[in-house]
């Protein structure tokens, strides 16, 4: 865990980030070619001309993806789950932005779940949305991704993980992402 000296907030390490993205890719890979193709179609789509069909087709795979991700982390320690939760928390916080909300819409919870969908689809889609918010989708959501590692930690170790980040993954909690 990296701690910044000026704010004393725990930051995800690059190794923890790499681990998260690798676990996400592994979970999707275990589901076969169809969801991989749907994810690729979302990454490659032209949001100005393409329909959102792949988004709604991938929705049918999200529960299986979350299940696989849970299985892949079954042997992780409490600290490892906390580290993964910290990465997800940071990723959700970083895309808590007005320009992304304009595309995804949604209430507080709805926008959080939309950001969960963005993270769940993996690094390539996440980076595509960060760079071009039009790549996000209206009404796509993955609620289970938002607190997956926190819930796994609680289920396995009887406590909610303390990430020490000092940030919130909740919607509208990133002041830098919103107009004053």
N, C-alpha and C. Protein backbone atom coordinates (compact mmCIF):
# COMPACT_ATOMS: atom_id res chain seq x y z
N UNK A 1 0.85 -1.17 0.00
CA UNK A 1 0.00 0.00 0.00
C UNK A 1 0.89 1.23 0.00
N UNK A 2 0.56 2.18 -0.85
CA UNK A 2 1.27 3.45 -0.90
C UNK A 2 0.47 4.48 -0.13
N UNK A 3 1.14 5.26 0.70
CA UNK A 3 0.48 6.31 1.47
C UNK A 3 1.11 7.63 1.05
N UNK A 4 0.28 8.59 0.68
CA UNK A 4 0.81 9.90 0.31
C UNK A 4 1.14 10.65 1.58
N UNK A 5 2.22 11.42 1.53
CA UNK A 5 2.66 12.11 2.74
C UNK A 5 1.87 13.37 3.02
N UNK A 6 1.39 14.04 1.99
CA UNK A 6 0.68 15.30 2.23
C UNK A 6 -0.77 15.09 2.66
N UNK A 7 -1.39 13.99 2.31
CA UNK A 7 -2.78 13.78 2.70
C UNK A 7 -2.97 12.55 3.58
N UNK A 8 -1.94 11.75 3.72
CA UNK A 8 -2.00 10.51 4.50
C UNK A 8 -3.17 9.62 4.09
N UNK A 9 -3.40 9.53 2.79
CA UNK A 9 -4.43 8.65 2.26
C UNK A 9 -3.78 7.45 1.59
N UNK A 10 -4.28 6.29 1.87
CA UNK A 10 -3.77 5.08 1.24
C UNK A 10 -4.16 5.09 -0.24
N UNK A 11 -3.19 4.82 -1.08
CA UNK A 11 -3.41 4.76 -2.52
C UNK A 11 -3.17 3.33 -2.98
N UNK A 12 -3.89 2.89 -3.99
CA UNK A 12 -3.62 1.55 -4.54
C UNK A 12 -2.21 1.51 -5.14
N UNK A 13 -1.57 0.38 -5.05
CA UNK A 13 -0.28 0.23 -5.70
C UNK A 13 -0.50 -0.19 -7.15
N UNK A 14 0.51 0.00 -7.97
CA UNK A 14 0.40 -0.44 -9.36
C UNK A 14 0.26 -1.97 -9.42
N UNK A 15 0.88 -2.67 -8.48
CA UNK A 15 0.74 -4.13 -8.44
C UNK A 15 -0.70 -4.53 -8.10
N UNK A 16 -1.33 -3.81 -7.19
CA UNK A 16 -2.72 -4.10 -6.84
C UNK A 16 -3.64 -3.80 -8.03
N UNK A 17 -3.38 -2.70 -8.72
CA UNK A 17 -4.18 -2.38 -9.91
C UNK A 17 -4.02 -3.46 -10.97
N UNK A 18 -2.78 -3.86 -11.20
CA UNK A 18 -2.53 -4.91 -12.20
C UNK A 18 -3.24 -6.21 -11.80
N UNK A 19 -3.22 -6.51 -10.51
CA UNK A 19 -3.88 -7.71 -10.03
C UNK A 19 -5.38 -7.65 -10.27
N UNK A 20 -5.99 -6.50 -9.98
CA UNK A 20 -7.43 -6.36 -10.22
C UNK A 20 -7.76 -6.61 -11.68
N UNK A 21 -7.05 -5.90 -12.58
CA UNK A 21 -7.37 -6.05 -14.00
C UNK A 21 -7.11 -7.48 -14.48
N UNK A 22 -6.07 -8.13 -13.97
CA UNK A 22 -5.79 -9.51 -14.36
C UNK A 22 -6.89 -10.45 -13.87
N UNK A 23 -7.37 -10.25 -12.66
CA UNK A 23 -8.46 -11.08 -12.13
C UNK A 23 -9.74 -10.87 -12.94
N UNK A 24 -10.03 -9.64 -13.29
CA UNK A 24 -11.21 -9.36 -14.11
C UNK A 24 -11.10 -10.08 -15.45
N UNK A 25 -9.94 -9.97 -16.09
CA UNK A 25 -9.75 -10.65 -17.38
C UNK A 25 -9.87 -12.16 -17.24
N UNK A 26 -9.29 -12.71 -16.17
CA UNK A 26 -9.36 -14.16 -15.96
C UNK A 26 -10.80 -14.62 -15.75
N UNK A 27 -11.56 -13.85 -14.99
CA UNK A 27 -12.96 -14.21 -14.74
C UNK A 27 -13.75 -14.20 -16.05
N UNK A 28 -13.55 -13.19 -16.87
CA UNK A 28 -14.24 -13.15 -18.16
C UNK A 28 -13.79 -14.29 -19.06
N UNK A 29 -12.49 -14.56 -19.09
CA UNK A 29 -11.95 -15.60 -19.96
C UNK A 29 -12.56 -16.97 -19.63
N UNK A 30 -12.82 -17.21 -18.35
CA UNK A 30 -13.40 -18.50 -17.96
C UNK A 30 -14.82 -18.68 -18.50
N UNK A 31 -15.45 -17.61 -18.91
CA UNK A 31 -16.82 -17.70 -19.42
C UNK A 31 -16.90 -18.01 -20.90
N UNK A 32 -15.77 -17.96 -21.60
CA UNK A 32 -15.74 -18.34 -23.00
C UNK A 32 -15.72 -17.18 -23.98
N UNK A 33 -15.88 -17.54 -25.22
CA UNK A 33 -15.70 -16.59 -26.33
C UNK A 33 -16.81 -15.56 -26.47
N UNK A 34 -18.05 -15.94 -26.20
CA UNK A 34 -19.17 -15.01 -26.43
C UNK A 34 -19.06 -13.73 -25.61
N UNK A 35 -18.87 -13.79 -24.28
CA UNK A 35 -18.76 -12.54 -23.54
C UNK A 35 -17.49 -11.76 -23.89
N UNK A 36 -16.43 -12.46 -24.26
CA UNK A 36 -15.21 -11.75 -24.68
C UNK A 36 -15.49 -10.94 -25.95
N UNK A 37 -16.22 -11.54 -26.87
CA UNK A 37 -16.55 -10.84 -28.12
C UNK A 37 -17.48 -9.65 -27.85
N UNK A 38 -18.42 -9.82 -26.94
CA UNK A 38 -19.32 -8.72 -26.61
C UNK A 38 -18.56 -7.55 -25.97
N UNK A 39 -17.64 -7.86 -25.08
CA UNK A 39 -16.83 -6.81 -24.46
C UNK A 39 -16.00 -6.09 -25.51
N UNK A 40 -15.40 -6.85 -26.41
CA UNK A 40 -14.59 -6.25 -27.47
C UNK A 40 -15.45 -5.34 -28.35
N UNK A 41 -16.66 -5.76 -28.64
CA UNK A 41 -17.56 -4.94 -29.46
C UNK A 41 -17.87 -3.62 -28.76
N UNK A 42 -18.01 -3.64 -27.46
CA UNK A 42 -18.26 -2.39 -26.72
C UNK A 42 -17.06 -1.46 -26.75
N UNK A 43 -15.87 -2.03 -26.68
CA UNK A 43 -14.64 -1.23 -26.72
C UNK A 43 -14.44 -0.61 -28.10
N UNK A 44 -14.80 -1.34 -29.14
CA UNK A 44 -14.55 -0.90 -30.51
C UNK A 44 -15.69 -0.10 -31.12
N UNK A 45 -16.81 -0.03 -30.46
CA UNK A 45 -17.98 0.61 -31.06
C UNK A 45 -17.77 2.11 -31.24
N UNK A 46 -18.43 2.64 -32.22
CA UNK A 46 -18.46 4.08 -32.43
C UNK A 46 -19.76 4.57 -31.78
N UNK A 47 -19.66 5.25 -30.63
CA UNK A 47 -20.88 5.62 -29.92
C UNK A 47 -21.80 6.55 -30.71
N UNK A 48 -21.27 7.22 -31.71
CA UNK A 48 -22.10 8.11 -32.52
C UNK A 48 -22.90 7.35 -33.57
N UNK A 49 -22.50 6.13 -33.90
CA UNK A 49 -23.15 5.40 -34.98
C UNK A 49 -23.64 4.01 -34.63
N UNK A 50 -23.06 3.42 -33.62
CA UNK A 50 -23.41 2.04 -33.28
C UNK A 50 -24.53 2.00 -32.26
N UNK A 51 -25.28 0.91 -32.28
CA UNK A 51 -26.31 0.72 -31.26
C UNK A 51 -25.66 0.14 -30.00
N UNK A 52 -26.42 0.05 -28.95
CA UNK A 52 -25.92 -0.43 -27.67
C UNK A 52 -26.22 -1.90 -27.46
N UNK A 53 -26.52 -2.64 -28.50
CA UNK A 53 -26.88 -4.05 -28.39
C UNK A 53 -25.92 -4.89 -27.57
N UNK A 54 -24.60 -4.77 -27.80
CA UNK A 54 -23.68 -5.59 -27.00
C UNK A 54 -23.80 -5.35 -25.49
N UNK A 55 -24.16 -4.14 -25.10
CA UNK A 55 -24.29 -3.83 -23.67
C UNK A 55 -25.39 -4.66 -23.04
N UNK A 56 -26.48 -4.77 -23.73
CA UNK A 56 -27.60 -5.49 -23.17
C UNK A 56 -27.39 -6.99 -23.26
N UNK A 57 -26.62 -7.43 -24.25
CA UNK A 57 -26.29 -8.85 -24.36
C UNK A 57 -25.30 -9.25 -23.26
N UNK A 58 -24.36 -8.39 -22.94
CA UNK A 58 -23.36 -8.73 -21.91
C UNK A 58 -24.01 -8.77 -20.53
N UNK A 59 -25.10 -8.06 -20.36
CA UNK A 59 -25.80 -8.04 -19.08
C UNK A 59 -26.13 -9.45 -18.59
N UNK A 60 -26.44 -10.33 -19.51
CA UNK A 60 -26.78 -11.71 -19.15
C UNK A 60 -25.59 -12.47 -18.57
N UNK A 61 -24.39 -11.97 -18.77
CA UNK A 61 -23.17 -12.63 -18.30
C UNK A 61 -22.64 -12.07 -16.99
N UNK A 62 -23.17 -10.97 -16.52
CA UNK A 62 -22.58 -10.29 -15.36
C UNK A 62 -22.62 -11.12 -14.07
N UNK A 63 -23.71 -11.82 -13.80
CA UNK A 63 -23.77 -12.63 -12.58
C UNK A 63 -22.73 -13.76 -12.62
N UNK A 64 -22.59 -14.39 -13.76
CA UNK A 64 -21.59 -15.45 -13.90
C UNK A 64 -20.18 -14.88 -13.76
N UNK A 65 -19.95 -13.72 -14.32
CA UNK A 65 -18.65 -13.05 -14.18
C UNK A 65 -18.34 -12.78 -12.70
N UNK A 66 -19.28 -12.21 -11.97
CA UNK A 66 -19.06 -11.92 -10.55
C UNK A 66 -18.82 -13.20 -9.75
N UNK A 67 -19.54 -14.25 -10.10
CA UNK A 67 -19.33 -15.54 -9.44
C UNK A 67 -17.91 -16.05 -9.70
N UNK A 68 -17.46 -15.98 -10.93
CA UNK A 68 -16.10 -16.43 -11.27
C UNK A 68 -15.07 -15.57 -10.54
N UNK A 69 -15.28 -14.27 -10.49
CA UNK A 69 -14.35 -13.39 -9.79
C UNK A 69 -14.28 -13.75 -8.31
N UNK A 70 -15.41 -14.06 -7.72
CA UNK A 70 -15.43 -14.50 -6.33
C UNK A 70 -14.65 -15.79 -6.13
N UNK A 71 -14.81 -16.73 -7.05
CA UNK A 71 -14.07 -17.99 -6.96
C UNK A 71 -12.57 -17.78 -7.12
N UNK A 72 -12.19 -16.88 -8.01
CA UNK A 72 -10.76 -16.62 -8.24
C UNK A 72 -10.08 -15.98 -7.03
N UNK A 73 -10.86 -15.37 -6.18
CA UNK A 73 -10.29 -14.71 -5.00
C UNK A 73 -10.54 -15.49 -3.71
N UNK A 74 -10.99 -16.71 -3.83
CA UNK A 74 -11.38 -17.50 -2.66
C UNK A 74 -10.25 -17.73 -1.67
N UNK A 75 -9.03 -17.75 -2.12
CA UNK A 75 -7.89 -18.03 -1.23
C UNK A 75 -7.15 -16.77 -0.79
N UNK A 76 -7.66 -15.60 -1.15
CA UNK A 76 -6.96 -14.36 -0.80
C UNK A 76 -7.11 -14.04 0.68
N UNK A 77 -6.12 -13.40 1.22
CA UNK A 77 -6.15 -12.96 2.61
C UNK A 77 -7.05 -11.74 2.75
N UNK A 78 -7.35 -11.38 3.98
CA UNK A 78 -8.12 -10.18 4.24
C UNK A 78 -7.43 -8.94 3.69
N UNK A 79 -6.12 -8.87 3.85
CA UNK A 79 -5.37 -7.72 3.34
C UNK A 79 -5.43 -7.66 1.82
N UNK A 80 -5.33 -8.79 1.16
CA UNK A 80 -5.39 -8.82 -0.30
C UNK A 80 -6.77 -8.37 -0.79
N UNK A 81 -7.82 -8.80 -0.12
CA UNK A 81 -9.17 -8.35 -0.50
C UNK A 81 -9.32 -6.85 -0.24
N UNK A 82 -8.77 -6.36 0.85
CA UNK A 82 -8.81 -4.93 1.14
C UNK A 82 -8.06 -4.16 0.06
N UNK A 83 -6.93 -4.66 -0.35
CA UNK A 83 -6.15 -4.00 -1.40
C UNK A 83 -6.94 -3.93 -2.71
N UNK A 84 -7.63 -5.02 -3.06
CA UNK A 84 -8.46 -5.02 -4.26
C UNK A 84 -9.64 -4.06 -4.12
N UNK A 85 -10.24 -4.04 -2.94
CA UNK A 85 -11.35 -3.12 -2.69
C UNK A 85 -10.88 -1.66 -2.84
N UNK A 86 -9.68 -1.38 -2.36
CA UNK A 86 -9.12 -0.03 -2.48
C UNK A 86 -8.97 0.37 -3.95
N UNK A 87 -8.55 -0.57 -4.79
CA UNK A 87 -8.40 -0.28 -6.22
C UNK A 87 -9.77 0.01 -6.83
N UNK A 88 -10.75 -0.85 -6.55
CA UNK A 88 -12.10 -0.63 -7.10
C UNK A 88 -12.64 0.71 -6.61
N UNK A 89 -12.48 0.99 -5.33
CA UNK A 89 -12.92 2.27 -4.77
C UNK A 89 -12.31 3.44 -5.54
N UNK A 90 -11.01 3.38 -5.81
CA UNK A 90 -10.32 4.45 -6.54
C UNK A 90 -10.82 4.55 -7.97
N UNK A 91 -10.99 3.41 -8.63
CA UNK A 91 -11.45 3.42 -10.02
C UNK A 91 -12.86 4.02 -10.11
N UNK A 92 -13.73 3.64 -9.19
CA UNK A 92 -15.09 4.19 -9.18
C UNK A 92 -15.05 5.69 -8.89
N UNK A 93 -14.21 6.10 -7.97
CA UNK A 93 -14.07 7.51 -7.61
C UNK A 93 -13.56 8.33 -8.81
N UNK A 94 -12.56 7.80 -9.49
CA UNK A 94 -11.95 8.55 -10.60
C UNK A 94 -12.91 8.78 -11.76
N UNK A 95 -13.88 7.88 -11.96
CA UNK A 95 -14.85 8.10 -13.05
C UNK A 95 -16.17 8.66 -12.52
N UNK A 96 -16.18 9.13 -11.30
CA UNK A 96 -17.33 9.84 -10.74
C UNK A 96 -17.24 11.27 -11.26
N UNK A 97 -17.68 11.42 -12.51
CA UNK A 97 -17.53 12.69 -13.22
C UNK A 97 -18.84 13.08 -13.91
N UNK A 98 -19.03 14.38 -13.96
CA UNK A 98 -20.24 14.92 -14.58
C UNK A 98 -20.36 14.51 -16.05
N UNK A 99 -19.26 14.52 -16.80
CA UNK A 99 -19.33 14.19 -18.22
C UNK A 99 -19.71 12.72 -18.45
N UNK A 100 -19.33 11.85 -17.54
CA UNK A 100 -19.73 10.44 -17.65
C UNK A 100 -21.18 10.27 -17.21
N UNK A 101 -21.57 10.98 -16.17
CA UNK A 101 -22.96 10.93 -15.70
C UNK A 101 -23.92 11.41 -16.78
N UNK A 102 -23.52 12.40 -17.56
CA UNK A 102 -24.38 12.90 -18.63
C UNK A 102 -24.73 11.80 -19.63
N UNK A 103 -23.84 10.83 -19.80
CA UNK A 103 -24.08 9.71 -20.72
C UNK A 103 -24.86 8.59 -20.03
N UNK A 104 -24.45 8.24 -18.82
CA UNK A 104 -25.05 7.09 -18.15
C UNK A 104 -26.36 7.43 -17.47
N UNK A 105 -26.49 8.69 -17.02
CA UNK A 105 -27.65 9.15 -16.27
C UNK A 105 -27.72 8.40 -14.95
N UNK A 106 -28.84 8.40 -14.32
CA UNK A 106 -29.03 7.64 -13.10
C UNK A 106 -29.00 8.46 -11.83
N UNK A 107 -29.68 7.94 -10.84
CA UNK A 107 -29.70 8.51 -9.50
C UNK A 107 -28.34 8.28 -8.85
N UNK A 108 -28.22 8.59 -7.58
CA UNK A 108 -26.98 8.32 -6.85
C UNK A 108 -26.57 6.86 -7.02
N UNK A 109 -27.47 5.96 -6.65
CA UNK A 109 -27.16 4.54 -6.77
C UNK A 109 -27.02 4.11 -8.22
N UNK A 110 -27.88 4.60 -9.07
CA UNK A 110 -27.82 4.23 -10.48
C UNK A 110 -26.50 4.61 -11.13
N UNK A 111 -25.99 5.78 -10.79
CA UNK A 111 -24.71 6.19 -11.36
C UNK A 111 -23.57 5.36 -10.78
N UNK A 112 -23.64 5.01 -9.50
CA UNK A 112 -22.64 4.12 -8.92
C UNK A 112 -22.64 2.78 -9.66
N UNK A 113 -23.80 2.22 -9.89
CA UNK A 113 -23.91 0.92 -10.55
C UNK A 113 -23.44 1.00 -12.01
N UNK A 114 -23.68 2.14 -12.65
CA UNK A 114 -23.18 2.34 -14.02
C UNK A 114 -21.66 2.33 -14.02
N UNK A 115 -21.06 2.97 -13.02
CA UNK A 115 -19.60 2.97 -12.91
C UNK A 115 -19.09 1.57 -12.56
N UNK A 116 -19.87 0.81 -11.79
CA UNK A 116 -19.51 -0.59 -11.52
C UNK A 116 -19.46 -1.39 -12.81
N UNK A 117 -20.39 -1.14 -13.71
CA UNK A 117 -20.40 -1.80 -15.02
C UNK A 117 -19.12 -1.47 -15.78
N UNK A 118 -18.73 -0.21 -15.76
CA UNK A 118 -17.53 0.23 -16.48
C UNK A 118 -16.30 -0.51 -15.95
N UNK A 119 -16.17 -0.61 -14.64
CA UNK A 119 -15.03 -1.32 -14.05
C UNK A 119 -15.12 -2.81 -14.37
N UNK A 120 -16.29 -3.39 -14.24
CA UNK A 120 -16.46 -4.83 -14.46
C UNK A 120 -16.08 -5.26 -15.86
N UNK A 121 -16.24 -4.40 -16.83
CA UNK A 121 -15.91 -4.78 -18.20
C UNK A 121 -14.42 -4.81 -18.47
N UNK A 122 -13.63 -4.33 -17.53
CA UNK A 122 -12.18 -4.46 -17.67
C UNK A 122 -11.48 -3.17 -18.01
N UNK A 123 -10.17 -3.27 -17.98
CA UNK A 123 -9.32 -2.09 -18.14
C UNK A 123 -9.51 -1.38 -19.48
N UNK A 124 -9.60 -2.13 -20.56
CA UNK A 124 -9.72 -1.49 -21.88
C UNK A 124 -11.00 -0.66 -21.98
N UNK A 125 -12.10 -1.20 -21.50
CA UNK A 125 -13.35 -0.44 -21.55
C UNK A 125 -13.30 0.73 -20.58
N UNK A 126 -12.78 0.49 -19.38
CA UNK A 126 -12.63 1.55 -18.39
C UNK A 126 -11.83 2.72 -18.97
N UNK A 127 -10.70 2.42 -19.57
CA UNK A 127 -9.85 3.48 -20.14
C UNK A 127 -10.53 4.16 -21.33
N UNK A 128 -11.30 3.41 -22.10
CA UNK A 128 -12.03 4.00 -23.23
C UNK A 128 -13.05 5.01 -22.72
N UNK A 129 -13.77 4.68 -21.65
CA UNK A 129 -14.76 5.60 -21.09
C UNK A 129 -14.08 6.80 -20.44
N UNK A 130 -12.98 6.56 -19.74
CA UNK A 130 -12.25 7.70 -19.14
C UNK A 130 -11.83 8.69 -20.20
N UNK A 131 -11.35 8.19 -21.33
CA UNK A 131 -10.87 9.06 -22.40
C UNK A 131 -12.01 9.70 -23.19
N UNK A 132 -13.10 8.96 -23.34
CA UNK A 132 -14.23 9.43 -24.14
C UNK A 132 -15.52 8.99 -23.45
N UNK A 133 -16.10 9.85 -22.61
CA UNK A 133 -17.31 9.48 -21.87
C UNK A 133 -18.45 8.99 -22.75
N UNK A 134 -18.47 9.35 -24.02
CA UNK A 134 -19.52 8.87 -24.92
C UNK A 134 -19.49 7.35 -25.08
N UNK A 135 -18.38 6.73 -24.71
CA UNK A 135 -18.28 5.27 -24.77
C UNK A 135 -19.10 4.60 -23.67
N UNK A 136 -19.46 5.35 -22.63
CA UNK A 136 -20.31 4.81 -21.57
C UNK A 136 -21.69 4.55 -22.14
N UNK A 137 -22.50 3.82 -21.39
CA UNK A 137 -23.81 3.42 -21.87
C UNK A 137 -24.90 3.85 -20.92
N UNK A 138 -26.01 4.25 -21.48
CA UNK A 138 -27.20 4.58 -20.70
C UNK A 138 -27.78 3.31 -20.11
N UNK A 139 -28.07 3.33 -18.83
CA UNK A 139 -28.77 2.24 -18.13
C UNK A 139 -28.00 0.93 -18.00
N UNK A 140 -26.71 0.90 -18.33
CA UNK A 140 -25.93 -0.31 -18.07
C UNK A 140 -25.48 -0.26 -16.62
N UNK A 141 -25.57 -1.40 -15.92
CA UNK A 141 -25.15 -1.37 -14.52
C UNK A 141 -24.64 -2.72 -14.07
N UNK A 142 -23.77 -2.67 -13.06
CA UNK A 142 -23.27 -3.87 -12.40
C UNK A 142 -23.08 -3.52 -10.93
N UNK A 143 -24.19 -3.54 -10.21
CA UNK A 143 -24.18 -3.20 -8.79
C UNK A 143 -23.19 -4.08 -8.02
N UNK A 144 -23.14 -5.35 -8.35
CA UNK A 144 -22.32 -6.29 -7.61
C UNK A 144 -20.83 -5.98 -7.63
N UNK A 145 -20.35 -5.28 -8.65
CA UNK A 145 -18.93 -4.97 -8.74
C UNK A 145 -18.53 -3.88 -7.76
N UNK A 146 -19.44 -3.01 -7.40
CA UNK A 146 -19.12 -1.82 -6.62
C UNK A 146 -18.54 -2.13 -5.24
N UNK A 147 -19.03 -3.17 -4.61
CA UNK A 147 -18.57 -3.54 -3.27
C UNK A 147 -18.22 -5.02 -3.19
N UNK A 148 -17.90 -5.64 -4.32
CA UNK A 148 -17.66 -7.08 -4.34
C UNK A 148 -16.60 -7.50 -3.33
N UNK A 149 -15.45 -6.87 -3.36
CA UNK A 149 -14.35 -7.30 -2.49
C UNK A 149 -14.62 -6.94 -1.03
N UNK A 150 -15.36 -5.89 -0.79
CA UNK A 150 -15.75 -5.55 0.58
C UNK A 150 -16.70 -6.61 1.13
N UNK A 151 -17.66 -7.04 0.31
CA UNK A 151 -18.59 -8.08 0.75
C UNK A 151 -17.87 -9.41 0.95
N UNK A 152 -16.95 -9.74 0.04
CA UNK A 152 -16.19 -10.98 0.21
C UNK A 152 -15.38 -10.94 1.50
N UNK A 153 -14.77 -9.78 1.79
CA UNK A 153 -14.01 -9.62 3.02
C UNK A 153 -14.92 -9.83 4.23
N UNK A 154 -16.07 -9.19 4.21
CA UNK A 154 -17.01 -9.32 5.32
C UNK A 154 -17.48 -10.77 5.49
N UNK A 155 -17.81 -11.42 4.38
CA UNK A 155 -18.27 -12.81 4.44
C UNK A 155 -17.20 -13.75 4.99
N UNK A 156 -15.96 -13.53 4.59
CA UNK A 156 -14.89 -14.44 4.96
C UNK A 156 -14.24 -14.12 6.30
N UNK A 157 -14.19 -12.83 6.66
CA UNK A 157 -13.44 -12.43 7.84
C UNK A 157 -14.28 -11.71 8.89
N UNK A 158 -15.56 -11.50 8.60
CA UNK A 158 -16.47 -10.92 9.58
C UNK A 158 -16.33 -9.44 9.81
N UNK A 159 -15.70 -8.75 8.89
CA UNK A 159 -15.58 -7.29 9.04
C UNK A 159 -15.48 -6.63 7.67
N UNK A 160 -15.90 -5.38 7.67
CA UNK A 160 -15.81 -4.56 6.47
C UNK A 160 -14.37 -4.06 6.36
N UNK A 161 -13.76 -4.11 5.17
CA UNK A 161 -12.36 -3.68 5.06
C UNK A 161 -12.20 -2.17 5.22
N UNK A 162 -11.13 -1.77 5.82
CA UNK A 162 -10.78 -0.36 5.95
C UNK A 162 -9.72 -0.05 4.91
N UNK A 163 -10.11 0.67 3.86
CA UNK A 163 -9.15 0.93 2.78
C UNK A 163 -8.18 2.05 3.13
N UNK A 164 -8.56 2.94 4.04
CA UNK A 164 -7.67 4.03 4.42
C UNK A 164 -7.46 5.08 3.35
N UNK A 165 -8.30 5.07 2.33
CA UNK A 165 -8.10 5.98 1.20
C UNK A 165 -8.59 7.40 1.44
N UNK A 166 -9.57 7.54 2.30
CA UNK A 166 -10.13 8.86 2.54
C UNK A 166 -11.03 9.36 1.42
N UNK A 167 -11.38 8.49 0.47
CA UNK A 167 -12.28 8.88 -0.62
C UNK A 167 -13.54 8.05 -0.54
N UNK A 168 -14.51 8.42 -1.35
CA UNK A 168 -15.76 7.69 -1.42
C UNK A 168 -15.99 7.18 -2.83
N UNK A 169 -16.50 5.99 -2.94
CA UNK A 169 -16.89 5.46 -4.25
C UNK A 169 -18.31 5.88 -4.60
N UNK A 170 -19.02 6.42 -3.62
CA UNK A 170 -20.41 6.82 -3.84
C UNK A 170 -20.50 7.93 -4.89
N UNK A 171 -21.63 8.02 -5.53
CA UNK A 171 -21.84 9.00 -6.59
C UNK A 171 -21.76 10.43 -6.07
N UNK A 172 -21.22 11.28 -6.90
CA UNK A 172 -21.09 12.71 -6.66
C UNK A 172 -20.13 13.01 -5.50
N UNK A 173 -19.23 12.07 -5.19
CA UNK A 173 -18.28 12.24 -4.10
C UNK A 173 -16.91 12.70 -4.53
N UNK A 174 -16.70 12.84 -5.83
CA UNK A 174 -15.40 13.28 -6.36
C UNK A 174 -15.52 14.74 -6.77
N UNK A 175 -15.11 15.67 -5.91
CA UNK A 175 -15.28 17.09 -6.22
C UNK A 175 -14.60 17.52 -7.53
N UNK A 176 -13.51 16.85 -7.87
CA UNK A 176 -12.79 17.22 -9.10
C UNK A 176 -13.58 16.85 -10.36
N UNK A 177 -14.56 15.96 -10.23
CA UNK A 177 -15.30 15.51 -11.38
C UNK A 177 -16.58 16.28 -11.68
N UNK A 178 -16.86 17.28 -10.85
CA UNK A 178 -18.14 17.95 -10.98
C UNK A 178 -17.96 19.47 -11.00
N UNK A 179 -18.77 20.14 -11.81
CA UNK A 179 -18.76 21.61 -11.86
C UNK A 179 -19.24 22.15 -10.53
N UNK A 180 -18.68 23.24 -10.16
CA UNK A 180 -19.10 23.88 -8.90
C UNK A 180 -20.43 24.56 -9.03
